[in-house]
């Protein structure tokens, strides 16, 4: 078991799952196989004393959290070869947190944040849903999401202003704004947000924009006080972000131009807090 630094290869662009609004997140099966982290559910130290490969993976997580800085190289821990018992032990320790991701850019990848912010499970699957690779990544947001969401994205929205669908009224002005911001926005700039809740958009405006923007390979679900559904489009750095309340009612509908919306990212102070909590839990099982 070694800690490795690897790039994630870009694999092209696929389509997103469809549902009632054409863009509903397909829930990831992986978290249902992972134990939810609760102190009362943790095993006794003697019950996992023989699971040394799993313990070594957890030690590497602890070490990566301790030295983590936003400017660091990508840190991933390969647990592909763990047996069922050791993998279950790692799953129990990590649990599953609020953010889930599906990447469908050719090779399906399922990503689940653990209960420790900044600690992610990254699972690559073949066509039969067999695991190809299984990693733990330490980062504010998974590298695959950051670097591969817009790998084949267009940089300008093209349409015929003389041939608009019926009742499309305000979309052209927004398209002009989007084209301007997409052309000038760069990483490090403040996100640019268009809030549909404050604009007089018709349903046909939104359908037209949705079709024009296209659907990219990444869908993110952030669960907190309600749900936030984040979908990358096929237009460079443009995300469609929808906020729902606890009753699944849409309460905020936005487009955001950014690398990745902050609601899906762990802050550096969150990761430092994760280290403190992880150390506290590991003290029950590991004296190294």
Protein backbone atom coordinates (compact mmCIF):
# COMPACT_ATOMS: atom_id res chain seq x y z
CA UNK A 1 0.00 0.00 0.00
CA UNK A 2 1.61 3.27 -1.10
CA UNK A 3 0.56 6.86 -1.31
CA UNK A 4 0.75 7.93 -4.94
CA UNK A 5 0.56 11.15 -6.90
CA UNK A 6 -1.12 10.59 -10.25
CA UNK A 7 -2.99 12.62 -12.86
CA UNK A 8 -6.49 11.55 -13.83
CA UNK A 9 -6.83 11.08 -17.57
CA UNK A 10 -9.61 12.93 -19.34
CA UNK A 11 -11.97 10.53 -21.05
CA UNK A 12 -14.26 12.66 -23.22
CA UNK A 13 -17.81 13.86 -22.81
CA UNK A 14 -20.98 11.84 -22.26
CA UNK A 15 -24.58 12.68 -21.60
CA UNK A 16 -26.36 13.13 -18.29
CA UNK A 17 -29.31 11.12 -17.02
CA UNK A 18 -32.72 12.50 -17.83
CA UNK A 19 -35.78 12.99 -15.68
CA UNK A 20 -38.62 15.41 -15.06
CA UNK A 21 -36.63 18.55 -15.80
CA UNK A 22 -34.24 16.74 -18.13
CA UNK A 23 -31.43 17.00 -15.60
CA UNK A 24 -32.17 15.11 -12.41
CA UNK A 25 -29.30 13.55 -10.51
CA UNK A 26 -29.11 9.79 -10.62
CA UNK A 27 -28.33 8.79 -7.06
CA UNK A 28 -25.07 6.94 -6.59
CA UNK A 29 -25.36 3.37 -5.34
CA UNK A 30 -21.95 3.38 -3.64
CA UNK A 31 -22.92 5.22 -0.43
CA UNK A 32 -25.55 2.60 0.38
CA UNK A 33 -22.73 0.04 0.62
CA UNK A 34 -20.75 2.29 2.95
CA UNK A 35 -21.40 2.58 6.66
CA UNK A 36 -22.52 5.95 7.96
CA UNK A 37 -19.94 7.23 10.45
CA UNK A 38 -21.33 7.19 13.98
CA UNK A 39 -19.30 6.69 17.13
CA UNK A 40 -21.89 4.27 18.45
CA UNK A 41 -21.46 2.08 15.34
CA UNK A 42 -17.67 1.88 15.44
CA UNK A 43 -16.16 -1.58 15.99
CA UNK A 44 -14.08 -2.53 18.99
CA UNK A 45 -10.30 -2.21 18.38
CA UNK A 46 -9.78 -5.96 18.77
CA UNK A 47 -12.32 -6.63 16.00
CA UNK A 48 -10.18 -4.83 13.40
CA UNK A 49 -6.71 -5.51 14.79
CA UNK A 50 -5.95 -7.96 11.96
CA UNK A 51 -7.02 -5.58 9.17
CA UNK A 52 -3.58 -4.11 8.65
CA UNK A 53 -3.94 -3.18 4.96
CA UNK A 54 -7.04 -1.16 5.71
CA UNK A 55 -5.28 0.42 8.70
CA UNK A 56 -2.32 1.37 6.52
CA UNK A 57 -4.67 3.08 4.06
CA UNK A 58 -6.20 5.04 6.94
CA UNK A 59 -2.75 6.04 8.19
CA UNK A 60 -2.00 7.43 4.73
CA UNK A 61 -5.24 9.42 4.86
CA UNK A 62 -4.23 10.82 8.22
CA UNK A 63 -0.79 11.79 6.92
CA UNK A 64 -2.22 13.41 3.78
CA UNK A 65 -4.71 15.45 5.83
CA UNK A 66 -1.94 16.61 8.17
CA UNK A 67 0.21 18.08 5.41
CA UNK A 68 -2.56 19.21 3.06
CA UNK A 69 -2.41 22.64 1.45
CA UNK A 70 -4.52 23.92 -1.43
CA UNK A 71 -1.39 24.38 -3.55
CA UNK A 72 -0.22 20.78 -3.08
CA UNK A 73 -0.02 18.21 -5.83
CA UNK A 74 -2.88 15.77 -6.16
CA UNK A 75 -2.77 13.16 -3.39
CA UNK A 76 -4.49 9.83 -4.01
CA UNK A 77 -4.34 6.57 -2.09
CA UNK A 78 -4.94 3.42 -4.10
CA UNK A 79 -7.17 0.88 -2.31
CA UNK A 80 -8.16 -1.10 -5.39
CA UNK A 81 -6.54 -4.29 -4.10
CA UNK A 82 -8.03 -4.30 -0.61
CA UNK A 83 -10.01 -7.41 0.24
CA UNK A 84 -13.65 -7.21 1.32
CA UNK A 85 -12.96 -7.00 5.06
CA UNK A 86 -10.29 -4.32 4.78
CA UNK A 87 -12.43 -2.29 2.36
CA UNK A 88 -15.40 -2.53 4.73
CA UNK A 89 -13.21 -1.25 7.57
CA UNK A 90 -12.10 1.74 5.47
CA UNK A 91 -15.73 2.38 4.48
CA UNK A 92 -16.81 2.32 8.12
CA UNK A 93 -14.14 4.82 9.11
CA UNK A 94 -14.87 7.22 6.25
CA UNK A 95 -18.65 6.95 6.05
CA UNK A 96 -20.36 9.21 3.51
CA UNK A 97 -20.81 12.94 3.66
CA UNK A 98 -22.98 15.50 1.91
CA UNK A 99 -21.52 15.62 -1.62
CA UNK A 100 -21.91 12.96 -4.31
CA UNK A 101 -20.73 13.11 -7.93
CA UNK A 102 -21.36 11.15 -11.10
CA UNK A 103 -18.92 11.53 -14.01
CA UNK A 104 -20.06 10.04 -17.32
CA UNK A 105 -17.30 11.12 -19.66
CA UNK A 106 -16.80 7.71 -21.26
CA UNK A 107 -15.76 5.68 -18.22
CA UNK A 108 -18.35 6.08 -15.48
CA UNK A 109 -16.86 7.34 -12.25
CA UNK A 110 -18.70 7.61 -8.93
CA UNK A 111 -17.38 9.96 -6.27
CA UNK A 112 -18.53 10.24 -2.67
CA UNK A 113 -17.30 12.69 -0.07
CA UNK A 114 -16.64 11.06 3.30
CA UNK A 115 -17.83 12.51 6.61
CA UNK A 116 -14.41 14.16 6.73
CA UNK A 117 -14.54 17.18 4.42
CA UNK A 118 -11.89 16.95 1.70
CA UNK A 119 -11.63 13.14 1.85
CA UNK A 120 -13.23 11.60 -1.26
CA UNK A 121 -13.83 8.06 -2.52
CA UNK A 122 -13.25 7.81 -6.28
CA UNK A 123 -14.47 4.61 -7.98
CA UNK A 124 -14.00 3.90 -11.70
CA UNK A 125 -16.42 1.36 -13.18
CA UNK A 126 -16.53 -0.69 -16.38
CA UNK A 127 -19.65 -1.22 -18.49
CA UNK A 128 -20.79 -4.04 -16.17
CA UNK A 129 -20.24 -1.86 -13.08
CA UNK A 130 -17.21 -3.83 -11.98
CA UNK A 131 -14.66 -1.71 -10.10
CA UNK A 132 -11.65 -0.86 -12.25
CA UNK A 133 -9.93 1.43 -9.76
CA UNK A 134 -10.76 2.56 -6.22
CA UNK A 135 -9.01 5.58 -4.72
CA UNK A 136 -9.19 7.88 -1.74
CA UNK A 137 -8.42 11.46 -2.76
CA UNK A 138 -7.51 14.34 -0.46
CA UNK A 139 -8.54 17.64 -2.04
CA UNK A 140 -10.99 20.52 -1.83
CA UNK A 141 -12.77 19.12 -4.88
CA UNK A 142 -11.92 15.95 -6.86
CA UNK A 143 -9.39 16.58 -9.62
CA UNK A 144 -11.61 14.81 -12.12
CA UNK A 145 -14.38 17.35 -11.51
CA UNK A 146 -12.03 20.31 -11.65
CA UNK A 147 -10.12 19.32 -14.78
CA UNK A 148 -12.48 17.18 -16.87
CA UNK A 149 -15.92 18.77 -16.59
CA UNK A 150 -15.37 21.00 -19.63
CA UNK A 151 -12.82 18.99 -21.58
CA UNK A 152 -14.72 19.36 -24.88
CA UNK A 153 -16.87 22.36 -24.01
CA UNK A 154 -17.73 25.08 -26.50
CA UNK A 155 -16.65 28.64 -25.78
CA UNK A 156 -19.53 30.50 -27.44
CA UNK A 157 -23.29 30.07 -27.69
CA UNK A 158 -24.45 30.26 -31.29
CA UNK A 159 -28.07 30.75 -32.37
CA UNK A 160 -30.18 32.42 -35.07
CA UNK A 161 -31.79 35.56 -33.57
CA UNK A 162 -34.24 35.66 -36.49
CA UNK A 163 -35.51 32.14 -35.87
CA UNK A 164 -36.29 31.94 -32.15
CA UNK A 165 -38.89 29.50 -30.80
CA UNK A 166 -42.25 30.98 -29.82
CA UNK A 167 -42.35 32.80 -26.46
CA UNK A 168 -38.56 32.96 -26.17
CA UNK A 169 -38.24 36.55 -25.00
CA UNK A 170 -35.35 37.24 -22.61
CA UNK A 171 -32.92 34.44 -23.47
CA UNK A 172 -31.04 36.47 -26.15
CA UNK A 173 -29.97 39.10 -23.60
CA UNK A 174 -28.71 36.38 -21.27
CA UNK A 175 -26.86 34.68 -24.12
CA UNK A 176 -25.04 37.95 -24.80
CA UNK A 177 -24.09 38.19 -21.12
CA UNK A 178 -22.96 34.56 -21.00
CA UNK A 179 -20.83 34.87 -24.15
CA UNK A 180 -19.15 37.97 -22.74
CA UNK A 181 -18.40 36.37 -19.38
CA UNK A 182 -17.32 33.01 -20.80
CA UNK A 183 -14.85 34.80 -23.08
CA UNK A 184 -13.25 36.84 -20.30
CA UNK A 185 -13.59 34.71 -17.14
CA UNK A 186 -10.44 32.99 -15.85
CA UNK A 187 -9.62 30.82 -12.87
CA UNK A 188 -9.22 32.97 -9.78
CA UNK A 189 -11.96 35.41 -10.80
CA UNK A 190 -15.07 35.73 -8.66
CA UNK A 191 -17.89 33.44 -9.85
CA UNK A 192 -20.41 35.15 -12.11
CA UNK A 193 -23.97 34.19 -11.18
CA UNK A 194 -27.19 34.67 -13.14
CA UNK A 195 -30.17 34.26 -10.83
CA UNK A 196 -33.30 33.20 -12.72
CA UNK A 197 -35.36 33.77 -9.58
CA UNK A 198 -34.82 37.53 -10.07
CA UNK A 199 -35.41 37.59 -13.84
CA UNK A 200 -38.65 37.51 -15.88
CA UNK A 201 -37.87 34.30 -17.74
CA UNK A 202 -40.55 32.32 -19.56
CA UNK A 203 -40.52 28.54 -19.44
CA UNK A 204 -39.58 28.62 -23.13
CA UNK A 205 -36.60 30.87 -22.33
CA UNK A 206 -35.26 28.28 -19.87
CA UNK A 207 -35.85 25.37 -22.26
CA UNK A 208 -34.08 27.25 -25.04
CA UNK A 209 -31.11 28.10 -22.80
CA UNK A 210 -30.91 24.55 -21.53
CA UNK A 211 -30.74 23.16 -25.06
CA UNK A 212 -28.23 25.78 -26.17
CA UNK A 213 -25.92 25.30 -23.17
CA UNK A 214 -26.00 21.51 -23.51
CA UNK A 215 -25.35 18.83 -20.88
CA UNK A 216 -21.82 18.01 -19.77
CA UNK A 217 -20.43 14.87 -18.10
CA UNK A 218 -20.64 15.87 -14.42
CA UNK A 219 -23.60 15.99 -12.04
CA UNK A 220 -23.08 16.88 -8.36
CA UNK A 221 -25.52 16.60 -5.48
CA UNK A 222 -24.76 18.49 -2.28
CA UNK A 223 -27.05 17.53 0.59
CA UNK A 224 -27.39 19.83 3.56
CA UNK A 225 -30.48 21.77 4.56
CA UNK A 226 -32.25 20.50 1.45
CA UNK A 227 -30.44 19.60 -1.77
CA UNK A 228 -28.27 21.51 -4.20
CA UNK A 229 -28.04 19.98 -7.67
CA UNK A 230 -25.11 21.14 -9.79
CA UNK A 231 -24.72 20.14 -13.45
CA UNK A 232 -21.94 21.17 -15.77
CA UNK A 233 -23.05 22.28 -19.21
CA UNK A 234 -21.30 21.84 -22.55
CA UNK A 235 -20.36 25.52 -22.39
CA UNK A 236 -16.99 26.42 -20.87
CA UNK A 237 -17.14 26.97 -17.08
CA UNK A 238 -20.94 27.29 -17.04
CA UNK A 239 -22.76 25.32 -14.32
CA UNK A 240 -26.52 25.06 -13.80
CA UNK A 241 -27.10 25.18 -10.03
CA UNK A 242 -30.50 24.44 -8.50
CA UNK A 243 -31.30 24.68 -4.79
CA UNK A 244 -34.21 22.72 -3.30
CA UNK A 245 -35.67 22.95 0.19
CA UNK A 246 -36.30 19.97 2.47
CA UNK A 247 -39.59 19.34 0.63
CA UNK A 248 -37.77 19.17 -2.74
CA UNK A 249 -39.26 22.46 -3.88
CA UNK A 250 -37.03 24.54 -6.17
CA UNK A 251 -36.14 27.71 -4.25
CA UNK A 252 -33.18 29.09 -6.25
CA UNK A 253 -32.29 28.53 -9.91
CA UNK A 254 -28.98 29.91 -11.18
CA UNK A 255 -26.28 29.70 -13.80
CA UNK A 256 -22.76 30.08 -12.44
CA UNK A 257 -19.53 30.68 -14.32
CA UNK A 258 -16.71 29.25 -12.22
CA UNK A 259 -14.19 26.39 -12.06
CA UNK A 260 -16.47 24.49 -9.65
CA UNK A 261 -19.25 26.06 -7.53
CA UNK A 262 -18.07 26.59 -3.96
CA UNK A 263 -21.03 24.70 -2.50
CA UNK A 264 -19.39 21.48 -3.78
CA UNK A 265 -15.90 22.28 -2.46
CA UNK A 266 -14.24 21.81 0.92
CA UNK A 267 -12.45 24.87 2.30
CA UNK A 268 -8.90 24.56 3.62
CA UNK A 269 -10.10 25.20 7.19
CA UNK A 270 -12.64 22.39 6.77
CA UNK A 271 -9.85 20.02 5.81
CA UNK A 272 -7.80 21.09 8.83
CA UNK A 273 -10.84 20.32 10.98
CA UNK A 274 -11.13 16.95 9.24
CA UNK A 275 -7.57 16.15 10.26
CA UNK A 276 -8.28 16.94 13.92
CA UNK A 277 -11.42 14.78 13.94
CA UNK A 278 -9.72 11.98 12.01
CA UNK A 279 -6.82 11.88 14.46
CA UNK A 280 -9.27 11.69 17.36
CA UNK A 281 -11.04 8.70 15.87
CA UNK A 282 -7.83 6.95 14.81
CA UNK A 283 -6.49 7.14 18.37
CA UNK A 284 -8.99 4.44 19.27
CA UNK A 285 -7.37 2.00 16.85
CA UNK A 286 -3.80 3.04 16.09
CA UNK A 287 -0.93 4.01 18.40
CA UNK A 288 1.58 4.79 15.65
